[in-house]
């Protein structure tokens, strides 16, 4: 049961919990030290919230269509959103989630907290990536070399495949 849970959900639940905790800490630090809020027009802020939400929704839905929970850890997928990042569900939460919360709370510090949140996730998913290497071997190792964890890299149209 625990192996099945870890195969399906990986580092997600505990990582999401810690990320939310980091968001709360950033917001509390902002209030405690009276860090100025973002001075951003409400229209632009709402547009950013909508764009971050659309981005997260597309990435999450696309990821779930390409690799449904029942097949996680059983088959190796490198198409769809997985051709751009190895962990698109986590990427949506890390980048878009933090962006949404930053805009809602107008917090510069929360936006800056993307750096420790990203570092935390790189560390946190090590066991998950070890599992995937053990399961899929050299194919996954080659995939790791070519595909970034959370943030897609720019690919020139002149690059050879």
N, C-alpha and C. Protein backbone atom coordinates (compact mmCIF):
# COMPACT_ATOMS: atom_id res chain seq x y z
N UNK A 1 0.83 -1.20 0.00
CA UNK A 1 0.00 0.00 0.00
C UNK A 1 0.87 1.26 0.00
N UNK A 2 1.88 1.31 0.87
CA UNK A 2 2.76 2.48 0.93
C UNK A 2 3.55 2.61 -0.37
N UNK A 3 4.04 1.49 -0.92
CA UNK A 3 4.78 1.56 -2.18
C UNK A 3 3.89 2.07 -3.31
N UNK A 4 2.66 1.62 -3.35
CA UNK A 4 1.72 2.06 -4.36
C UNK A 4 1.44 3.56 -4.22
N UNK A 5 1.26 4.00 -2.98
CA UNK A 5 1.02 5.42 -2.71
C UNK A 5 2.21 6.25 -3.18
N UNK A 6 3.43 5.82 -2.83
CA UNK A 6 4.63 6.56 -3.24
C UNK A 6 4.80 6.54 -4.75
N UNK A 7 4.47 5.43 -5.39
CA UNK A 7 4.59 5.33 -6.84
C UNK A 7 3.64 6.32 -7.51
N UNK A 8 2.42 6.40 -7.01
CA UNK A 8 1.40 7.27 -7.61
C UNK A 8 1.63 8.74 -7.28
N UNK A 9 1.91 9.04 -6.01
CA UNK A 9 1.99 10.44 -5.58
C UNK A 9 3.41 10.96 -5.43
N UNK A 10 4.40 10.09 -5.34
CA UNK A 10 5.79 10.51 -5.22
C UNK A 10 6.00 11.45 -4.05
N UNK A 11 6.69 12.52 -4.32
CA UNK A 11 7.04 13.50 -3.30
C UNK A 11 5.97 14.58 -3.14
N UNK A 12 4.92 14.49 -3.92
CA UNK A 12 3.91 15.53 -3.99
C UNK A 12 3.28 15.98 -2.69
N UNK A 13 2.59 15.09 -1.97
CA UNK A 13 1.88 15.55 -0.77
C UNK A 13 2.78 16.22 0.27
N UNK A 14 3.91 15.60 0.60
CA UNK A 14 4.79 16.21 1.61
C UNK A 14 5.44 17.48 1.06
N UNK A 15 5.80 17.49 -0.22
CA UNK A 15 6.39 18.68 -0.82
C UNK A 15 5.42 19.84 -0.87
N UNK A 16 4.18 19.55 -1.20
CA UNK A 16 3.15 20.60 -1.23
C UNK A 16 2.92 21.16 0.16
N UNK A 17 2.87 20.29 1.16
CA UNK A 17 2.70 20.73 2.54
C UNK A 17 3.82 21.68 2.96
N UNK A 18 5.07 21.29 2.69
CA UNK A 18 6.22 22.13 3.06
C UNK A 18 6.20 23.44 2.28
N UNK A 19 5.82 23.39 1.01
CA UNK A 19 5.75 24.61 0.20
C UNK A 19 4.72 25.58 0.76
N UNK A 20 3.56 25.07 1.12
CA UNK A 20 2.52 25.93 1.72
C UNK A 20 3.03 26.52 3.02
N UNK A 21 3.73 25.71 3.80
CA UNK A 21 4.32 26.19 5.05
C UNK A 21 5.33 27.32 4.76
N UNK A 22 6.13 27.16 3.72
CA UNK A 22 7.08 28.21 3.34
C UNK A 22 6.36 29.48 2.89
N UNK A 23 5.24 29.32 2.17
CA UNK A 23 4.45 30.49 1.79
C UNK A 23 3.96 31.23 3.04
N UNK A 24 3.45 30.48 3.99
CA UNK A 24 2.93 31.09 5.23
C UNK A 24 4.05 31.81 5.98
N UNK A 25 5.22 31.18 6.06
CA UNK A 25 6.36 31.80 6.73
C UNK A 25 6.75 33.10 6.03
N UNK A 26 6.80 33.09 4.71
CA UNK A 26 7.16 34.30 3.96
C UNK A 26 6.15 35.41 4.21
N UNK A 27 4.87 35.07 4.21
CA UNK A 27 3.84 36.08 4.46
C UNK A 27 3.96 36.63 5.88
N UNK A 28 4.20 35.76 6.85
CA UNK A 28 4.35 36.20 8.24
C UNK A 28 5.58 37.08 8.41
N UNK A 29 6.69 36.71 7.78
CA UNK A 29 7.90 37.54 7.85
C UNK A 29 7.62 38.91 7.24
N UNK A 30 6.91 38.93 6.11
CA UNK A 30 6.57 40.20 5.47
C UNK A 30 5.79 41.11 6.40
N UNK A 31 4.81 40.54 7.09
CA UNK A 31 4.01 41.34 8.02
C UNK A 31 4.81 41.74 9.25
N UNK A 32 5.59 40.81 9.79
CA UNK A 32 6.35 41.07 11.01
C UNK A 32 7.38 42.17 10.81
N UNK A 33 8.07 42.15 9.67
CA UNK A 33 9.11 43.13 9.40
C UNK A 33 8.61 44.29 8.55
N UNK A 34 7.30 44.38 8.33
CA UNK A 34 6.69 45.46 7.56
C UNK A 34 7.36 45.66 6.20
N UNK A 35 7.59 44.56 5.51
CA UNK A 35 8.16 44.64 4.17
C UNK A 35 7.09 45.22 3.25
N UNK A 36 7.43 46.25 2.49
CA UNK A 36 6.42 46.88 1.64
C UNK A 36 5.79 45.88 0.67
N UNK A 37 4.51 46.06 0.46
CA UNK A 37 3.78 45.21 -0.49
C UNK A 37 4.07 45.70 -1.90
N UNK A 38 3.79 44.85 -2.86
CA UNK A 38 3.93 45.24 -4.27
C UNK A 38 2.97 46.38 -4.56
N UNK A 39 3.46 47.35 -5.25
CA UNK A 39 2.59 48.43 -5.72
C UNK A 39 2.31 48.13 -7.18
N UNK A 40 1.23 47.42 -7.38
CA UNK A 40 0.90 46.95 -8.72
C UNK A 40 -0.58 47.24 -8.94
N UNK A 41 -0.92 47.65 -10.13
CA UNK A 41 -2.33 48.00 -10.38
C UNK A 41 -3.20 46.75 -10.22
N UNK A 42 -4.39 46.92 -9.68
CA UNK A 42 -5.29 45.78 -9.50
C UNK A 42 -5.58 45.04 -10.81
N UNK A 43 -5.70 45.78 -11.90
CA UNK A 43 -5.97 45.14 -13.19
C UNK A 43 -4.81 44.24 -13.60
N UNK A 44 -3.58 44.76 -13.52
CA UNK A 44 -2.41 43.96 -13.90
C UNK A 44 -2.24 42.76 -12.95
N UNK A 45 -2.46 42.98 -11.67
CA UNK A 45 -2.36 41.91 -10.68
C UNK A 45 -3.37 40.80 -11.01
N UNK A 46 -4.60 41.18 -11.32
CA UNK A 46 -5.63 40.19 -11.67
C UNK A 46 -5.29 39.45 -12.96
N UNK A 47 -4.73 40.18 -13.92
CA UNK A 47 -4.31 39.53 -15.16
C UNK A 47 -3.22 38.49 -14.87
N UNK A 48 -2.26 38.85 -14.03
CA UNK A 48 -1.21 37.89 -13.66
C UNK A 48 -1.77 36.67 -12.93
N UNK A 49 -2.71 36.90 -12.02
CA UNK A 49 -3.34 35.78 -11.32
C UNK A 49 -4.04 34.86 -12.32
N UNK A 50 -4.76 35.45 -13.25
CA UNK A 50 -5.46 34.65 -14.28
C UNK A 50 -4.45 33.88 -15.13
N UNK A 51 -3.37 34.54 -15.56
CA UNK A 51 -2.37 33.86 -16.39
C UNK A 51 -1.68 32.71 -15.63
N UNK A 52 -1.31 32.96 -14.37
CA UNK A 52 -0.71 31.90 -13.56
C UNK A 52 -1.68 30.74 -13.37
N UNK A 53 -2.95 31.06 -13.17
CA UNK A 53 -3.96 30.02 -12.98
C UNK A 53 -4.16 29.21 -14.26
N UNK A 54 -4.23 29.88 -15.39
CA UNK A 54 -4.36 29.18 -16.68
C UNK A 54 -3.14 28.29 -16.90
N UNK A 55 -1.96 28.83 -16.67
CA UNK A 55 -0.73 28.06 -16.83
C UNK A 55 -0.75 26.80 -15.96
N UNK A 56 -1.07 26.95 -14.69
CA UNK A 56 -1.10 25.80 -13.78
C UNK A 56 -2.16 24.80 -14.21
N UNK A 57 -3.33 25.27 -14.56
CA UNK A 57 -4.42 24.38 -14.95
C UNK A 57 -4.06 23.58 -16.20
N UNK A 58 -3.53 24.25 -17.21
CA UNK A 58 -3.14 23.55 -18.44
C UNK A 58 -2.07 22.52 -18.14
N UNK A 59 -1.07 22.90 -17.38
CA UNK A 59 0.03 21.98 -17.08
C UNK A 59 -0.44 20.79 -16.27
N UNK A 60 -1.30 21.01 -15.30
CA UNK A 60 -1.80 19.91 -14.46
C UNK A 60 -2.69 18.98 -15.28
N UNK A 61 -3.65 19.54 -16.00
CA UNK A 61 -4.57 18.71 -16.78
C UNK A 61 -3.81 17.95 -17.86
N UNK A 62 -2.93 18.62 -18.57
CA UNK A 62 -2.13 17.99 -19.62
C UNK A 62 -1.29 16.85 -19.05
N UNK A 63 -0.68 17.09 -17.89
CA UNK A 63 0.13 16.05 -17.23
C UNK A 63 -0.71 14.85 -16.85
N UNK A 64 -1.89 15.09 -16.32
CA UNK A 64 -2.77 14.00 -15.90
C UNK A 64 -3.32 13.21 -17.08
N UNK A 65 -3.51 13.87 -18.21
CA UNK A 65 -3.98 13.17 -19.41
C UNK A 65 -2.85 12.29 -19.97
N UNK A 66 -1.65 12.85 -20.06
CA UNK A 66 -0.53 12.12 -20.63
C UNK A 66 -0.07 10.98 -19.72
N UNK A 67 -0.07 11.22 -18.41
CA UNK A 67 0.37 10.20 -17.46
C UNK A 67 -0.63 10.14 -16.29
N UNK A 68 -1.69 9.35 -16.46
CA UNK A 68 -2.69 9.23 -15.40
C UNK A 68 -2.08 8.61 -14.13
N UNK A 69 -2.63 8.94 -12.97
CA UNK A 69 -2.09 8.43 -11.71
C UNK A 69 -1.91 6.90 -11.68
N UNK A 70 -2.80 6.17 -12.27
CA UNK A 70 -2.72 4.70 -12.23
C UNK A 70 -1.49 4.15 -12.95
N UNK A 71 -0.94 4.92 -13.89
CA UNK A 71 0.21 4.43 -14.65
C UNK A 71 1.54 5.02 -14.18
N UNK A 72 1.52 5.91 -13.20
CA UNK A 72 2.76 6.52 -12.71
C UNK A 72 3.68 5.47 -12.12
N UNK A 73 4.93 5.58 -12.48
CA UNK A 73 5.93 4.65 -11.97
C UNK A 73 5.89 3.30 -12.66
N UNK A 74 4.97 3.12 -13.60
CA UNK A 74 4.87 1.86 -14.34
C UNK A 74 5.38 2.00 -15.76
N UNK A 75 5.09 3.16 -16.36
CA UNK A 75 5.54 3.39 -17.73
C UNK A 75 6.36 4.68 -17.77
N UNK A 76 7.28 4.73 -18.72
CA UNK A 76 8.15 5.89 -18.88
C UNK A 76 7.57 6.79 -19.96
N UNK A 77 7.22 8.00 -19.56
CA UNK A 77 6.63 8.97 -20.48
C UNK A 77 7.62 10.12 -20.67
N UNK A 78 7.86 10.50 -21.90
CA UNK A 78 8.71 11.65 -22.18
C UNK A 78 8.10 12.54 -23.25
N UNK A 79 6.79 12.44 -23.41
CA UNK A 79 6.05 13.27 -24.37
C UNK A 79 5.14 14.22 -23.60
N UNK A 80 4.42 15.06 -24.32
CA UNK A 80 3.52 16.02 -23.67
C UNK A 80 4.33 16.99 -22.84
N UNK A 81 3.85 17.35 -21.66
CA UNK A 81 4.59 18.30 -20.83
C UNK A 81 5.92 17.71 -20.34
N UNK A 82 6.02 16.39 -20.35
CA UNK A 82 7.23 15.71 -19.88
C UNK A 82 8.40 15.88 -20.85
N UNK A 83 8.15 16.39 -22.03
CA UNK A 83 9.26 16.67 -22.95
C UNK A 83 9.93 17.99 -22.60
N UNK A 84 9.27 18.81 -21.79
CA UNK A 84 9.82 20.11 -21.40
C UNK A 84 10.39 20.12 -19.99
N UNK A 85 9.72 19.43 -19.06
CA UNK A 85 10.20 19.31 -17.68
C UNK A 85 9.91 17.90 -17.17
N UNK A 86 10.76 17.40 -16.29
CA UNK A 86 10.58 16.05 -15.78
C UNK A 86 9.42 15.94 -14.80
N UNK A 87 9.10 17.03 -14.12
CA UNK A 87 8.06 17.00 -13.10
C UNK A 87 7.08 18.16 -13.31
N UNK A 88 6.22 18.06 -14.34
CA UNK A 88 5.34 19.19 -14.64
C UNK A 88 4.30 19.49 -13.55
N UNK A 89 3.82 18.48 -12.84
CA UNK A 89 2.86 18.75 -11.77
C UNK A 89 3.51 19.58 -10.66
N UNK A 90 4.71 19.19 -10.28
CA UNK A 90 5.42 19.95 -9.25
C UNK A 90 5.78 21.34 -9.77
N UNK A 91 6.17 21.43 -11.03
CA UNK A 91 6.54 22.72 -11.63
C UNK A 91 5.35 23.69 -11.58
N UNK A 92 4.17 23.19 -11.89
CA UNK A 92 2.97 24.03 -11.85
C UNK A 92 2.76 24.58 -10.44
N UNK A 93 2.94 23.73 -9.46
CA UNK A 93 2.75 24.15 -8.07
C UNK A 93 3.83 25.14 -7.64
N UNK A 94 5.08 24.81 -7.95
CA UNK A 94 6.21 25.65 -7.52
C UNK A 94 6.12 27.03 -8.16
N UNK A 95 6.04 27.08 -9.48
CA UNK A 95 6.14 28.36 -10.18
C UNK A 95 4.82 29.11 -10.25
N UNK A 96 3.78 28.47 -10.76
CA UNK A 96 2.50 29.16 -10.89
C UNK A 96 1.83 29.35 -9.53
N UNK A 97 1.91 28.33 -8.69
CA UNK A 97 1.31 28.44 -7.35
C UNK A 97 1.92 29.58 -6.56
N UNK A 98 3.25 29.65 -6.56
CA UNK A 98 3.91 30.74 -5.84
C UNK A 98 3.59 32.08 -6.47
N UNK A 99 3.48 32.12 -7.79
CA UNK A 99 3.11 33.37 -8.47
C UNK A 99 1.72 33.83 -8.07
N UNK A 100 0.78 32.89 -8.04
CA UNK A 100 -0.61 33.23 -7.65
C UNK A 100 -0.65 33.77 -6.22
N UNK A 101 -0.03 33.06 -5.31
CA UNK A 101 -0.04 33.48 -3.90
C UNK A 101 0.68 34.82 -3.73
N UNK A 102 1.79 35.01 -4.47
CA UNK A 102 2.51 36.30 -4.41
C UNK A 102 1.62 37.45 -4.85
N UNK A 103 0.85 37.22 -5.91
CA UNK A 103 -0.04 38.28 -6.42
C UNK A 103 -1.21 38.51 -5.45
N UNK A 104 -1.75 37.46 -4.90
CA UNK A 104 -2.87 37.62 -3.96
C UNK A 104 -2.45 38.44 -2.75
N UNK A 105 -1.27 38.10 -2.19
CA UNK A 105 -0.80 38.79 -0.98
C UNK A 105 0.09 40.00 -1.30
N UNK A 106 0.32 40.26 -2.59
CA UNK A 106 1.16 41.37 -3.03
C UNK A 106 2.52 41.36 -2.31
N UNK A 107 3.10 40.18 -2.19
CA UNK A 107 4.30 39.99 -1.39
C UNK A 107 5.55 39.81 -2.24
N UNK A 108 6.47 40.78 -2.11
CA UNK A 108 7.76 40.65 -2.77
C UNK A 108 8.55 39.49 -2.17
N UNK A 109 8.49 39.38 -0.85
CA UNK A 109 9.25 38.32 -0.18
C UNK A 109 8.78 36.95 -0.63
N UNK A 110 7.50 36.78 -0.76
CA UNK A 110 6.97 35.49 -1.23
C UNK A 110 7.47 35.19 -2.64
N UNK A 111 7.53 36.21 -3.47
CA UNK A 111 8.07 36.03 -4.82
C UNK A 111 9.54 35.63 -4.77
N UNK A 112 10.29 36.24 -3.86
CA UNK A 112 11.71 35.89 -3.70
C UNK A 112 11.86 34.48 -3.12
N UNK A 113 10.88 34.04 -2.33
CA UNK A 113 10.93 32.70 -1.73
C UNK A 113 10.87 31.59 -2.79
N UNK A 114 10.64 31.94 -4.04
CA UNK A 114 10.66 30.93 -5.10
C UNK A 114 12.02 30.24 -5.13
N UNK A 115 13.08 30.96 -4.76
CA UNK A 115 14.43 30.37 -4.79
C UNK A 115 14.56 29.26 -3.74
N UNK A 116 14.28 29.52 -2.45
CA UNK A 116 14.37 28.39 -1.51
C UNK A 116 13.34 27.29 -1.77
N UNK A 117 12.18 27.66 -2.30
CA UNK A 117 11.17 26.65 -2.63
C UNK A 117 11.70 25.74 -3.73
N UNK A 118 12.30 26.32 -4.75
CA UNK A 118 12.88 25.53 -5.84
C UNK A 118 14.01 24.62 -5.31
N UNK A 119 14.88 25.19 -4.50
CA UNK A 119 15.98 24.40 -3.92
C UNK A 119 15.42 23.26 -3.07
N UNK A 120 14.40 23.54 -2.27
CA UNK A 120 13.77 22.49 -1.46
C UNK A 120 13.28 21.35 -2.34
N UNK A 121 12.58 21.68 -3.43
CA UNK A 121 12.02 20.65 -4.31
C UNK A 121 13.12 19.83 -4.99
N UNK A 122 14.21 20.47 -5.40
CA UNK A 122 15.33 19.74 -6.00
C UNK A 122 15.83 18.69 -5.01
N UNK A 123 15.97 19.08 -3.76
CA UNK A 123 16.41 18.15 -2.72
C UNK A 123 15.32 17.11 -2.42
N UNK A 124 14.08 17.54 -2.33
CA UNK A 124 12.97 16.70 -1.88
C UNK A 124 12.66 15.55 -2.84
N UNK A 125 12.88 15.74 -4.12
CA UNK A 125 12.51 14.69 -5.08
C UNK A 125 13.64 13.72 -5.40
N UNK A 126 14.74 13.80 -4.67
CA UNK A 126 15.87 12.92 -4.95
C UNK A 126 15.50 11.44 -4.87
N UNK A 127 14.74 11.05 -3.85
CA UNK A 127 14.34 9.64 -3.73
C UNK A 127 13.42 9.23 -4.87
N UNK A 128 12.54 10.13 -5.28
CA UNK A 128 11.64 9.84 -6.40
C UNK A 128 12.45 9.63 -7.68
N UNK A 129 13.46 10.46 -7.89
CA UNK A 129 14.28 10.31 -9.08
C UNK A 129 15.13 9.04 -9.00
N UNK A 130 15.60 8.68 -7.81
CA UNK A 130 16.32 7.41 -7.64
C UNK A 130 15.41 6.23 -8.01
N UNK A 131 14.15 6.27 -7.58
CA UNK A 131 13.19 5.23 -7.92
C UNK A 131 13.04 5.13 -9.44
N UNK A 132 12.93 6.28 -10.10
CA UNK A 132 12.74 6.28 -11.55
C UNK A 132 13.99 5.78 -12.28
N UNK A 133 15.16 6.10 -11.76
CA UNK A 133 16.40 5.58 -12.35
C UNK A 133 16.45 4.06 -12.19
N UNK A 134 16.12 3.58 -11.00
CA UNK A 134 16.11 2.13 -10.77
C UNK A 134 15.09 1.42 -11.64
N UNK A 135 13.96 2.06 -11.85
CA UNK A 135 12.87 1.45 -12.63
C UNK A 135 13.16 1.47 -14.14
N UNK A 136 13.64 2.61 -14.64
CA UNK A 136 13.77 2.78 -16.09
C UNK A 136 15.22 2.84 -16.58
N UNK A 137 16.18 2.79 -15.67
CA UNK A 137 17.59 2.67 -16.02
C UNK A 137 18.17 3.82 -16.82
N UNK A 138 18.97 3.44 -17.81
CA UNK A 138 19.71 4.40 -18.61
C UNK A 138 18.78 5.32 -19.41
N UNK A 139 17.60 4.84 -19.76
CA UNK A 139 16.64 5.70 -20.48
C UNK A 139 16.29 6.93 -19.63
N UNK A 140 16.04 6.69 -18.34
CA UNK A 140 15.69 7.82 -17.47
C UNK A 140 16.91 8.70 -17.21
N UNK A 141 18.08 8.11 -17.09
CA UNK A 141 19.30 8.91 -16.89
C UNK A 141 19.55 9.82 -18.09
N UNK A 142 19.35 9.31 -19.29
CA UNK A 142 19.49 10.15 -20.49
C UNK A 142 18.43 11.24 -20.53
N UNK A 143 17.23 10.89 -20.12
CA UNK A 143 16.13 11.85 -20.03
C UNK A 143 16.48 12.97 -19.04
N UNK A 144 17.09 12.60 -17.92
CA UNK A 144 17.49 13.58 -16.91
C UNK A 144 18.53 14.56 -17.47
N UNK A 145 19.42 14.07 -18.30
CA UNK A 145 20.46 14.92 -18.88
C UNK A 145 19.83 15.92 -19.84
N UNK A 146 18.85 15.47 -20.60
CA UNK A 146 18.23 16.28 -21.66
C UNK A 146 17.12 17.21 -21.15
N UNK A 147 16.40 16.79 -20.11
CA UNK A 147 15.19 17.49 -19.68
C UNK A 147 15.34 18.05 -18.27
N UNK A 148 15.15 19.36 -18.09
CA UNK A 148 15.27 19.95 -16.76
C UNK A 148 14.15 19.48 -15.81
N UNK A 149 14.40 19.63 -14.51
CA UNK A 149 13.43 19.17 -13.51
C UNK A 149 12.13 19.95 -13.54
N UNK A 150 12.21 21.26 -13.38
CA UNK A 150 11.00 22.05 -13.17
C UNK A 150 10.81 23.22 -14.12
N UNK A 151 11.87 23.75 -14.65
CA UNK A 151 11.78 24.96 -15.46
C UNK A 151 12.32 24.66 -16.85
N UNK A 152 11.48 24.77 -17.88
CA UNK A 152 11.94 24.41 -19.23
C UNK A 152 13.08 25.30 -19.70
N UNK A 153 13.97 24.69 -20.46
CA UNK A 153 15.05 25.48 -21.03
C UNK A 153 14.67 25.94 -22.43
N UNK A 154 15.27 27.00 -22.83
CA UNK A 154 15.03 27.52 -24.18
C UNK A 154 15.69 26.54 -25.16
N UNK A 155 14.94 26.16 -26.17
CA UNK A 155 15.46 25.27 -27.20
C UNK A 155 15.44 26.01 -28.52
N UNK A 156 16.59 26.21 -29.05
CA UNK A 156 16.70 26.91 -30.34
C UNK A 156 16.16 26.02 -31.44
N UNK A 157 15.57 26.62 -32.45
CA UNK A 157 15.07 25.85 -33.58
C UNK A 157 16.22 25.31 -34.42
N UNK A 158 17.44 25.80 -34.20
CA UNK A 158 18.60 25.33 -34.92
C UNK A 158 19.25 24.11 -34.28
N UNK A 159 18.86 23.77 -33.05
CA UNK A 159 19.45 22.61 -32.36
C UNK A 159 19.04 21.34 -33.04
N UNK A 160 19.97 20.41 -33.06
CA UNK A 160 19.65 19.10 -33.63
C UNK A 160 19.07 18.21 -32.56
N UNK A 161 18.19 17.33 -32.97
CA UNK A 161 17.53 16.40 -32.04
C UNK A 161 18.45 15.25 -31.72
